[in-house]
């Protein structure tokens, strides 16, 4: 994640010198619209809750993301971050809160030529690939839950902009794509179909994760067969351990998922000997 944290101070100094009013707008966090307040609370809850899953995933070894996919995901996350910086460079009124200020005008240059909400597009890229960049398949559904909330936020924002910002309705007619270039415009997919498509993608990813888990079980079985002394060690489980995780796995359709806390984590005697 140093791909993000290293450029942040440089970008902060650049915008502080070039456009201090933009920095002031980005520091505002209090929404004035009731719907936006509720959406932001849910986004924060889902996002920060999902950030806990990769650490637990790594600790208990629930899933394993290939190295090449982790590296590729890091570059997509970085690309999403660069898109947000591009938006702030192009639009001095890119505030963190949804509002129309005095003197604000419609921006139709730069990334705004492609989509009406390029900053949200960058955020979606980061949400899609952050769990994979952190090496966790199980964190992906949580991050995906934030995307419908972003869609609700931009729809509410567009309603306000069309009402309060002169020229925005004409801009919507010229730039059809809301969030995804060439995919989602005014006459295209309704929100229900977009959400259904997201669920289908999540189901496909879950199926791929199940296949990877089955392959890992087969490898472990082969290793146990090669080491007969290992078979004598009985894996003991703690009844009722991690009920929330098991419930989540049932909801995702992973009925065969089990979490076992082996006492070998705390005992040297149960560890396999080096061969």
C-alpha atoms as a PDB file:
ATOM      1  CA  UNK A   1       0.000   0.000   0.000  1.00  0.00           C
ATOM      2  CA  UNK A   2       3.018   2.250  -0.154  1.00  0.00           C
ATOM      3  CA  UNK A   3       1.908   2.934  -3.739  1.00  0.00           C
ATOM      4  CA  UNK A   4      -0.752   5.155  -2.150  1.00  0.00           C
ATOM      5  CA  UNK A   5       0.869   6.518   0.983  1.00  0.00           C
ATOM      6  CA  UNK A   6       4.073   7.691  -0.711  1.00  0.00           C
ATOM      7  CA  UNK A   7       2.380   9.982  -3.302  1.00  0.00           C
ATOM      8  CA  UNK A   8      -0.080  11.404  -0.741  1.00  0.00           C
ATOM      9  CA  UNK A   9       2.321  13.938   0.848  1.00  0.00           C
ATOM     10  CA  UNK A  10       3.513  15.038  -2.601  1.00  0.00           C
ATOM     11  CA  UNK A  11      -0.045  15.517  -3.841  1.00  0.00           C
ATOM     12  CA  UNK A  12      -1.016  17.350  -0.643  1.00  0.00           C
ATOM     13  CA  UNK A  13       1.849  19.829  -0.991  1.00  0.00           C
ATOM     14  CA  UNK A  14       1.067  20.311  -4.691  1.00  0.00           C
ATOM     15  CA  UNK A  15      -2.620  21.118  -4.169  1.00  0.00           C
ATOM     16  CA  UNK A  16      -1.938  23.193  -1.072  1.00  0.00           C
ATOM     17  CA  UNK A  17       0.322  25.423  -3.162  1.00  0.00           C
ATOM     18  CA  UNK A  18      -1.684  25.357  -6.395  1.00  0.00           C
ATOM     19  CA  UNK A  19      -5.282  25.394  -5.117  1.00  0.00           C
ATOM     20  CA  UNK A  20      -5.683  25.984  -1.352  1.00  0.00           C
ATOM     21  CA  UNK A  21      -9.449  26.449  -1.756  1.00  0.00           C
ATOM     22  CA  UNK A  22      -9.706  22.901  -3.081  1.00  0.00           C
ATOM     23  CA  UNK A  23      -7.830  21.607  -0.024  1.00  0.00           C
ATOM     24  CA  UNK A  24     -10.252  23.539   2.188  1.00  0.00           C
ATOM     25  CA  UNK A  25     -13.231  21.967   0.407  1.00  0.00           C
ATOM     26  CA  UNK A  26     -11.703  18.486   0.700  1.00  0.00           C
ATOM     27  CA  UNK A  27     -11.378  18.946   4.464  1.00  0.00           C
ATOM     28  CA  UNK A  28     -15.120  19.508   4.894  1.00  0.00           C
ATOM     29  CA  UNK A  29     -16.891  16.386   6.070  1.00  0.00           C
ATOM     30  CA  UNK A  30     -20.317  17.571   7.266  1.00  0.00           C
ATOM     31  CA  UNK A  31     -23.016  16.741   4.720  1.00  0.00           C
ATOM     32  CA  UNK A  32     -26.000  19.088   4.521  1.00  0.00           C
ATOM     33  CA  UNK A  33     -28.387  16.664   2.765  1.00  0.00           C
ATOM     34  CA  UNK A  34     -30.029  14.053   4.981  1.00  0.00           C
ATOM     35  CA  UNK A  35     -29.833  11.255   2.411  1.00  0.00           C
ATOM     36  CA  UNK A  36     -26.126  11.878   1.917  1.00  0.00           C
ATOM     37  CA  UNK A  37     -25.491  11.744   5.667  1.00  0.00           C
ATOM     38  CA  UNK A  38     -27.091   8.301   5.857  1.00  0.00           C
ATOM     39  CA  UNK A  39     -25.206   7.021   2.792  1.00  0.00           C
ATOM     40  CA  UNK A  40     -21.845   8.232   4.135  1.00  0.00           C
ATOM     41  CA  UNK A  41     -22.441   6.531   7.491  1.00  0.00           C
ATOM     42  CA  UNK A  42     -23.155   3.225   5.762  1.00  0.00           C
ATOM     43  CA  UNK A  43     -20.158   3.580   3.439  1.00  0.00           C
ATOM     44  CA  UNK A  44     -17.853   4.200   6.390  1.00  0.00           C
ATOM     45  CA  UNK A  45     -19.295   1.245   8.300  1.00  0.00           C
ATOM     46  CA  UNK A  46     -18.946  -1.143   5.347  1.00  0.00           C
ATOM     47  CA  UNK A  47     -15.504   0.100   4.308  1.00  0.00           C
ATOM     48  CA  UNK A  48     -13.787   0.083   7.702  1.00  0.00           C
ATOM     49  CA  UNK A  49     -15.482  -3.183   8.646  1.00  0.00           C
ATOM     50  CA  UNK A  50     -14.225  -4.785   5.439  1.00  0.00           C
ATOM     51  CA  UNK A  51     -10.686  -3.593   6.139  1.00  0.00           C
ATOM     52  CA  UNK A  52     -10.585  -5.945   9.146  1.00  0.00           C
ATOM     53  CA  UNK A  53     -11.198  -9.052   7.034  1.00  0.00           C
ATOM     54  CA  UNK A  54      -7.833  -9.186   5.162  1.00  0.00           C
ATOM     55  CA  UNK A  55      -5.956  -9.244   8.480  1.00  0.00           C
ATOM     56  CA  UNK A  56      -8.124 -12.088   9.792  1.00  0.00           C
ATOM     57  CA  UNK A  57      -7.821 -13.846   6.438  1.00  0.00           C
ATOM     58  CA  UNK A  58      -4.025 -13.708   6.635  1.00  0.00           C
ATOM     59  CA  UNK A  59      -4.002 -14.790  10.300  1.00  0.00           C
ATOM     60  CA  UNK A  60      -6.142 -17.889   9.799  1.00  0.00           C
ATOM     61  CA  UNK A  61      -5.234 -18.654   6.176  1.00  0.00           C
ATOM     62  CA  UNK A  62      -8.753 -18.669   4.755  1.00  0.00           C
ATOM     63  CA  UNK A  63      -7.731 -17.836   1.195  1.00  0.00           C
ATOM     64  CA  UNK A  64      -4.685 -17.308  -0.958  1.00  0.00           C
ATOM     65  CA  UNK A  65      -4.467 -14.820  -3.842  1.00  0.00           C
ATOM     66  CA  UNK A  66      -1.831 -15.522  -6.524  1.00  0.00           C
ATOM     67  CA  UNK A  67       1.134 -13.172  -6.427  1.00  0.00           C
ATOM     68  CA  UNK A  68       0.613 -11.991  -9.995  1.00  0.00           C
ATOM     69  CA  UNK A  69      -2.993 -11.034  -9.211  1.00  0.00           C
ATOM     70  CA  UNK A  70      -1.910  -9.176  -6.071  1.00  0.00           C
ATOM     71  CA  UNK A  71       0.640  -7.138  -8.045  1.00  0.00           C
ATOM     72  CA  UNK A  72      -1.880  -6.442 -10.820  1.00  0.00           C
ATOM     73  CA  UNK A  73      -4.460  -5.328  -8.245  1.00  0.00           C
ATOM     74  CA  UNK A  74      -1.954  -2.937  -6.680  1.00  0.00           C
ATOM     75  CA  UNK A  75      -1.530  -1.192 -10.029  1.00  0.00           C
ATOM     76  CA  UNK A  76      -5.317  -0.932 -10.472  1.00  0.00           C
ATOM     77  CA  UNK A  77      -5.611   0.592  -7.004  1.00  0.00           C
ATOM     78  CA  UNK A  78      -2.885   3.050  -7.885  1.00  0.00           C
ATOM     79  CA  UNK A  79      -4.680   3.857 -11.162  1.00  0.00           C
ATOM     80  CA  UNK A  80      -7.864   4.638  -9.237  1.00  0.00           C
ATOM     81  CA  UNK A  81      -5.884   6.942  -6.961  1.00  0.00           C
ATOM     82  CA  UNK A  82      -4.363   8.749  -9.952  1.00  0.00           C
ATOM     83  CA  UNK A  83      -7.838   9.258 -11.405  1.00  0.00           C
ATOM     84  CA  UNK A  84      -8.974  11.004  -8.206  1.00  0.00           C
ATOM     85  CA  UNK A  85      -5.921  13.269  -8.370  1.00  0.00           C
ATOM     86  CA  UNK A  86      -6.700  14.036 -12.017  1.00  0.00           C
ATOM     87  CA  UNK A  87     -10.245  15.007 -11.041  1.00  0.00           C
ATOM     88  CA  UNK A  88      -9.030  17.350  -8.310  1.00  0.00           C
ATOM     89  CA  UNK A  89      -6.594  18.968 -10.727  1.00  0.00           C
ATOM     90  CA  UNK A  90      -9.387  19.538 -13.251  1.00  0.00           C
ATOM     91  CA  UNK A  91     -12.192  20.544 -10.878  1.00  0.00           C
ATOM     92  CA  UNK A  92     -11.468  23.021  -8.096  1.00  0.00           C
ATOM     93  CA  UNK A  93     -15.001  22.470  -6.738  1.00  0.00           C
ATOM     94  CA  UNK A  94     -14.463  18.725  -6.129  1.00  0.00           C
ATOM     95  CA  UNK A  95     -15.581  18.849  -2.522  1.00  0.00           C
ATOM     96  CA  UNK A  96     -16.013  15.863  -0.217  1.00  0.00           C
ATOM     97  CA  UNK A  97     -19.570  17.013   0.502  1.00  0.00           C
ATOM     98  CA  UNK A  98     -22.439  17.288  -1.972  1.00  0.00           C
ATOM     99  CA  UNK A  99     -23.239  20.973  -2.443  1.00  0.00           C
ATOM    100  CA  UNK A 100     -23.304  23.784  -4.993  1.00  0.00           C
ATOM    101  CA  UNK A 101     -21.213  26.824  -4.143  1.00  0.00           C
ATOM    102  CA  UNK A 102     -21.392  30.395  -5.375  1.00  0.00           C
ATOM    103  CA  UNK A 103     -19.500  30.779  -8.639  1.00  0.00           C
ATOM    104  CA  UNK A 104     -19.420  27.034  -9.328  1.00  0.00           C
ATOM    105  CA  UNK A 105     -19.613  26.032 -12.986  1.00  0.00           C
ATOM    106  CA  UNK A 106     -19.999  22.821 -14.903  1.00  0.00           C
ATOM    107  CA  UNK A 107     -16.703  21.047 -15.711  1.00  0.00           C
ATOM    108  CA  UNK A 108     -16.711  19.141 -18.997  1.00  0.00           C
ATOM    109  CA  UNK A 109     -12.979  18.773 -19.668  1.00  0.00           C
ATOM    110  CA  UNK A 110     -10.427  16.136 -18.691  1.00  0.00           C
ATOM    111  CA  UNK A 111     -11.993  13.011 -17.173  1.00  0.00           C
ATOM    112  CA  UNK A 112     -15.406  14.707 -17.204  1.00  0.00           C
ATOM    113  CA  UNK A 113     -15.488  14.212 -20.972  1.00  0.00           C
ATOM    114  CA  UNK A 114     -15.766  10.441 -20.406  1.00  0.00           C
ATOM    115  CA  UNK A 115     -17.998  10.111 -17.343  1.00  0.00           C
ATOM    116  CA  UNK A 116     -20.025  12.500 -15.238  1.00  0.00           C
ATOM    117  CA  UNK A 117     -18.563  11.195 -11.970  1.00  0.00           C
ATOM    118  CA  UNK A 118     -14.905  10.315 -12.622  1.00  0.00           C
ATOM    119  CA  UNK A 119     -13.927  10.539  -8.943  1.00  0.00           C
ATOM    120  CA  UNK A 120     -16.469   7.865  -8.087  1.00  0.00           C
ATOM    121  CA  UNK A 121     -15.105   5.793 -10.964  1.00  0.00           C
ATOM    122  CA  UNK A 122     -11.648   5.985  -9.406  1.00  0.00           C
ATOM    123  CA  UNK A 123     -13.122   5.035  -6.030  1.00  0.00           C
ATOM    124  CA  UNK A 124     -14.863   2.003  -7.548  1.00  0.00           C
ATOM    125  CA  UNK A 125     -11.572   0.838  -9.080  1.00  0.00           C
ATOM    126  CA  UNK A 126      -9.921   1.079  -5.672  1.00  0.00           C
ATOM    127  CA  UNK A 127     -12.788  -0.760  -3.951  1.00  0.00           C
ATOM    128  CA  UNK A 128     -12.735  -3.602  -6.484  1.00  0.00           C
ATOM    129  CA  UNK A 129      -9.017  -4.285  -6.292  1.00  0.00           C
ATOM    130  CA  UNK A 130      -8.046  -3.319  -2.723  1.00  0.00           C
ATOM    131  CA  UNK A 131      -9.041  -6.704  -1.179  1.00  0.00           C
ATOM    132  CA  UNK A 132      -7.097  -8.584  -3.853  1.00  0.00           C
ATOM    133  CA  UNK A 133      -4.128  -6.258  -3.372  1.00  0.00           C
ATOM    134  CA  UNK A 134      -4.290  -7.180   0.340  1.00  0.00           C
ATOM    135  CA  UNK A 135      -4.344 -10.882  -0.551  1.00  0.00           C
ATOM    136  CA  UNK A 136      -7.896 -11.738   0.513  1.00  0.00           C
ATOM    137  CA  UNK A 137     -10.799 -13.233  -1.444  1.00  0.00           C
ATOM    138  CA  UNK A 138     -13.074 -13.120   1.583  1.00  0.00           C
ATOM    139  CA  UNK A 139     -12.800  -9.329   1.877  1.00  0.00           C
ATOM    140  CA  UNK A 140     -14.064  -8.827  -1.672  1.00  0.00           C
ATOM    141  CA  UNK A 141     -17.834  -9.161  -0.936  1.00  0.00           C
ATOM    142  CA  UNK A 142     -17.554  -6.541   1.797  1.00  0.00           C
ATOM    143  CA  UNK A 143     -15.879  -4.030  -0.518  1.00  0.00           C
ATOM    144  CA  UNK A 144     -18.432  -4.794  -3.236  1.00  0.00           C
ATOM    145  CA  UNK A 145     -21.216  -3.793  -0.840  1.00  0.00           C
ATOM    146  CA  UNK A 146     -19.891  -0.222  -0.889  1.00  0.00           C
ATOM    147  CA  UNK A 147     -20.405   0.119  -4.653  1.00  0.00           C
ATOM    148  CA  UNK A 148     -24.250   0.195  -4.556  1.00  0.00           C
ATOM    149  CA  UNK A 149     -23.954   2.866  -1.863  1.00  0.00           C
ATOM    150  CA  UNK A 150     -21.747   4.934  -4.182  1.00  0.00           C
ATOM    151  CA  UNK A 151     -24.367   4.514  -6.918  1.00  0.00           C
ATOM    152  CA  UNK A 152     -27.079   5.797  -4.577  1.00  0.00           C
ATOM    153  CA  UNK A 153     -24.860   8.732  -3.619  1.00  0.00           C
ATOM    154  CA  UNK A 154     -24.202   9.828  -7.209  1.00  0.00           C
ATOM    155  CA  UNK A 155     -27.884   9.474  -8.170  1.00  0.00           C
ATOM    156  CA  UNK A 156     -28.875  11.731  -5.288  1.00  0.00           C
ATOM    157  CA  UNK A 157     -26.054  14.106  -6.172  1.00  0.00           C
ATOM    158  CA  UNK A 158     -27.160  14.324  -9.810  1.00  0.00           C
ATOM    159  CA  UNK A 159     -30.690  15.170  -8.739  1.00  0.00           C
ATOM    160  CA  UNK A 160     -29.380  18.098  -6.703  1.00  0.00           C
ATOM    161  CA  UNK A 161     -26.957  19.273  -9.429  1.00  0.00           C
ATOM    162  CA  UNK A 162     -29.643  19.262 -12.116  1.00  0.00           C
ATOM    163  CA  UNK A 163     -31.785  21.405  -9.840  1.00  0.00           C
ATOM    164  CA  UNK A 164     -29.198  23.866  -8.479  1.00  0.00           C
ATOM    165  CA  UNK A 165     -26.270  24.014 -10.943  1.00  0.00           C
ATOM    166  CA  UNK A 166     -27.013  25.914 -14.193  1.00  0.00           C
ATOM    167  CA  UNK A 167     -25.992  24.016 -17.304  1.00  0.00           C
ATOM    168  CA  UNK A 168     -25.666  20.600 -15.643  1.00  0.00           C
ATOM    169  CA  UNK A 169     -28.748  19.170 -17.366  1.00  0.00           C
ATOM    170  CA  UNK A 170     -27.275  20.058 -20.765  1.00  0.00           C
ATOM    171  CA  UNK A 171     -23.977  18.490 -19.703  1.00  0.00           C
ATOM    172  CA  UNK A 172     -25.835  15.258 -18.866  1.00  0.00           C
ATOM    173  CA  UNK A 173     -27.229  15.181 -22.398  1.00  0.00           C
ATOM    174  CA  UNK A 174     -23.735  15.556 -23.876  1.00  0.00           C
ATOM    175  CA  UNK A 175     -21.980  13.123 -21.507  1.00  0.00           C
ATOM    176  CA  UNK A 176     -24.151  10.039 -21.254  1.00  0.00           C
ATOM    177  CA  UNK A 177     -22.012   7.820 -19.022  1.00  0.00           C
ATOM    178  CA  UNK A 178     -22.553   8.304 -15.325  1.00  0.00           C
ATOM    179  CA  UNK A 179     -19.951   6.058 -13.732  1.00  0.00           C
ATOM    180  CA  UNK A 180     -18.532   3.525 -16.201  1.00  0.00           C
ATOM    181  CA  UNK A 181     -17.291   4.780 -19.585  1.00  0.00           C
ATOM    182  CA  UNK A 182     -19.531   3.637 -22.466  1.00  0.00           C
ATOM    183  CA  UNK A 183     -21.549   1.355 -20.173  1.00  0.00           C
ATOM    184  CA  UNK A 184     -23.995   3.142 -17.899  1.00  0.00           C
ATOM    185  CA  UNK A 185     -25.777   6.147 -19.377  1.00  0.00           C
ATOM    186  CA  UNK A 186     -29.175   7.774 -18.980  1.00  0.00           C
ATOM    187  CA  UNK A 187     -30.908   5.335 -21.316  1.00  0.00           C
ATOM    188  CA  UNK A 188     -28.921   2.220 -20.419  1.00  0.00           C
ATOM    189  CA  UNK A 189     -29.062  -0.211 -17.546  1.00  0.00           C
ATOM    190  CA  UNK A 190     -31.363   0.642 -14.638  1.00  0.00           C
ATOM    191  CA  UNK A 191     -29.988   0.461 -11.118  1.00  0.00           C
ATOM    192  CA  UNK A 192     -31.600  -2.939 -10.482  1.00  0.00           C
ATOM    193  CA  UNK A 193     -29.760  -4.536 -13.408  1.00  0.00           C
ATOM    194  CA  UNK A 194     -26.476  -2.930 -12.349  1.00  0.00           C
ATOM    195  CA  UNK A 195     -26.848  -4.412  -8.862  1.00  0.00           C
ATOM    196  CA  UNK A 196     -27.812  -7.793 -10.328  1.00  0.00           C
ATOM    197  CA  UNK A 197     -24.704  -7.724 -12.513  1.00  0.00           C
ATOM    198  CA  UNK A 198     -22.599  -6.988  -9.432  1.00  0.00           C
ATOM    199  CA  UNK A 199     -24.115  -9.954  -7.599  1.00  0.00           C
ATOM    200  CA  UNK A 200     -23.364 -12.233 -10.564  1.00  0.00           C
ATOM    201  CA  UNK A 201     -19.746 -11.084 -10.565  1.00  0.00           C
ATOM    202  CA  UNK A 202     -19.527 -11.726  -6.810  1.00  0.00           C
ATOM    203  CA  UNK A 203     -20.997 -15.225  -7.285  1.00  0.00           C
ATOM    204  CA  UNK A 204     -18.466 -16.013 -10.014  1.00  0.00           C
ATOM    205  CA  UNK A 205     -15.604 -14.869  -7.798  1.00  0.00           C
ATOM    206  CA  UNK A 206     -16.965 -16.954  -4.928  1.00  0.00           C
ATOM    207  CA  UNK A 207     -17.070 -20.024  -7.186  1.00  0.00           C
ATOM    208  CA  UNK A 208     -13.461 -19.424  -8.193  1.00  0.00           C
ATOM    209  CA  UNK A 209     -12.500 -19.110  -4.537  1.00  0.00           C
ATOM    210  CA  UNK A 210     -14.259 -22.407  -3.751  1.00  0.00           C
ATOM    211  CA  UNK A 211     -12.285 -24.143  -6.482  1.00  0.00           C
ATOM    212  CA  UNK A 212      -9.032 -22.771  -5.087  1.00  0.00           C
ATOM    213  CA  UNK A 213     -10.037 -23.942  -1.602  1.00  0.00           C
ATOM    214  CA  UNK A 214     -10.730 -27.470  -2.887  1.00  0.00           C
ATOM    215  CA  UNK A 215      -7.297 -27.583  -4.533  1.00  0.00           C
ATOM    216  CA  UNK A 216      -5.672 -26.485  -1.277  1.00  0.00           C
ATOM    217  CA  UNK A 217      -7.496 -29.256   0.626  1.00  0.00           C
ATOM    218  CA  UNK A 218      -6.251 -31.823  -1.863  1.00  0.00           C
ATOM    219  CA  UNK A 219      -2.667 -30.609  -1.418  1.00  0.00           C
ATOM    220  CA  UNK A 220      -2.990 -30.812   2.369  1.00  0.00           C
ATOM    221  CA  UNK A 221      -4.373 -34.332   2.091  1.00  0.00           C
ATOM    222  CA  UNK A 222      -1.438 -35.368  -0.080  1.00  0.00           C
ATOM    223  CA  UNK A 223       0.989 -33.892   2.463  1.00  0.00           C
ATOM    224  CA  UNK A 224      -0.703 -35.807   5.310  1.00  0.00           C
ATOM    225  CA  UNK A 225      -0.482 -39.023   3.325  1.00  0.00           C
ATOM    226  CA  UNK A 226       3.235 -38.432   2.769  1.00  0.00           C
ATOM    227  CA  UNK A 227       3.788 -37.881   6.510  1.00  0.00           C
ATOM    228  CA  UNK A 228       2.043 -40.725   8.427  1.00  0.00           C
ATOM    229  CA  UNK A 229       3.137 -39.379  11.816  1.00  0.00           C
ATOM    230  CA  UNK A 230       1.129 -36.275  11.071  1.00  0.00           C
ATOM    231  CA  UNK A 231      -2.056 -38.307  10.783  1.00  0.00           C
ATOM    232  CA  UNK A 232      -1.761 -39.346  14.411  1.00  0.00           C
ATOM    233  CA  UNK A 233      -2.228 -35.765  15.530  1.00  0.00           C
ATOM    234  CA  UNK A 234      -5.930 -35.192  15.905  1.00  0.00           C
ATOM    235  CA  UNK A 235      -7.267 -31.791  14.901  1.00  0.00           C
ATOM    236  CA  UNK A 236      -9.462 -30.537  17.684  1.00  0.00           C
ATOM    237  CA  UNK A 237     -11.961 -27.735  17.262  1.00  0.00           C
ATOM    238  CA  UNK A 238     -13.489 -25.362  19.768  1.00  0.00           C
ATOM    239  CA  UNK A 239     -17.312 -25.658  19.676  1.00  0.00           C
ATOM    240  CA  UNK A 240     -18.984 -22.455  18.605  1.00  0.00           C
ATOM    241  CA  UNK A 241     -15.765 -20.808  17.430  1.00  0.00           C
ATOM    242  CA  UNK A 242     -16.183 -17.981  14.966  1.00  0.00           C
ATOM    243  CA  UNK A 243     -20.013 -18.221  14.564  1.00  0.00           C
ATOM    244  CA  UNK A 244     -20.144 -14.950  12.650  1.00  0.00           C
ATOM    245  CA  UNK A 245     -17.661 -16.234  10.066  1.00  0.00           C
ATOM    246  CA  UNK A 246     -19.585 -19.477   9.619  1.00  0.00           C
ATOM    247  CA  UNK A 247     -22.814 -17.536   9.215  1.00  0.00           C
ATOM    248  CA  UNK A 248     -21.171 -15.321   6.599  1.00  0.00           C
ATOM    249  CA  UNK A 249     -19.902 -18.374   4.738  1.00  0.00           C
ATOM    250  CA  UNK A 250     -23.424 -19.858   4.661  1.00  0.00           C
ATOM    251  CA  UNK A 251     -24.797 -16.617   3.271  1.00  0.00           C
ATOM    252  CA  UNK A 252     -22.177 -16.684   0.523  1.00  0.00           C
ATOM    253  CA  UNK A 253     -23.078 -20.259  -0.354  1.00  0.00           C
ATOM    254  CA  UNK A 254     -19.902 -21.833   1.007  1.00  0.00           C
ATOM    255  CA  UNK A 255     -21.680 -24.603   2.884  1.00  0.00           C
ATOM    256  CA  UNK A 256     -18.562 -26.723   3.225  1.00  0.00           C
ATOM    257  CA  UNK A 257     -16.509 -23.941   4.812  1.00  0.00           C
ATOM    258  CA  UNK A 258     -15.197 -24.788   8.313  1.00  0.00           C
ATOM    259  CA  UNK A 259     -12.936 -22.909  10.641  1.00  0.00           C
ATOM    260  CA  UNK A 260     -10.747 -25.004  12.932  1.00  0.00           C
ATOM    261  CA  UNK A 261      -8.449 -23.552  15.550  1.00  0.00           C
ATOM    262  CA  UNK A 262      -5.680 -26.092  15.949  1.00  0.00           C
ATOM    263  CA  UNK A 263      -3.959 -26.363  19.298  1.00  0.00           C
ATOM    264  CA  UNK A 264      -0.703 -26.665  17.378  1.00  0.00           C
ATOM    265  CA  UNK A 265      -0.697 -22.880  17.165  1.00  0.00           C
ATOM    266  CA  UNK A 266       0.097 -22.816  20.852  1.00  0.00           C
ATOM    267  CA  UNK A 267       2.008 -26.085  21.301  1.00  0.00           C
ATOM    268  CA  UNK A 268       5.421 -26.937  19.915  1.00  0.00           C
ATOM    269  CA  UNK A 269       4.644 -30.637  20.134  1.00  0.00           C
ATOM    270  CA  UNK A 270       1.944 -30.463  17.474  1.00  0.00           C
ATOM    271  CA  UNK A 271       4.087 -28.669  14.919  1.00  0.00           C
ATOM    272  CA  UNK A 272       5.286 -30.839  11.984  1.00  0.00           C
ATOM    273  CA  UNK A 273       8.966 -31.627  12.149  1.00  0.00           C
ATOM    274  CA  UNK A 274      11.254 -30.197   9.457  1.00  0.00           C
ATOM    275  CA  UNK A 275      12.229 -32.810   6.862  1.00  0.00           C
END
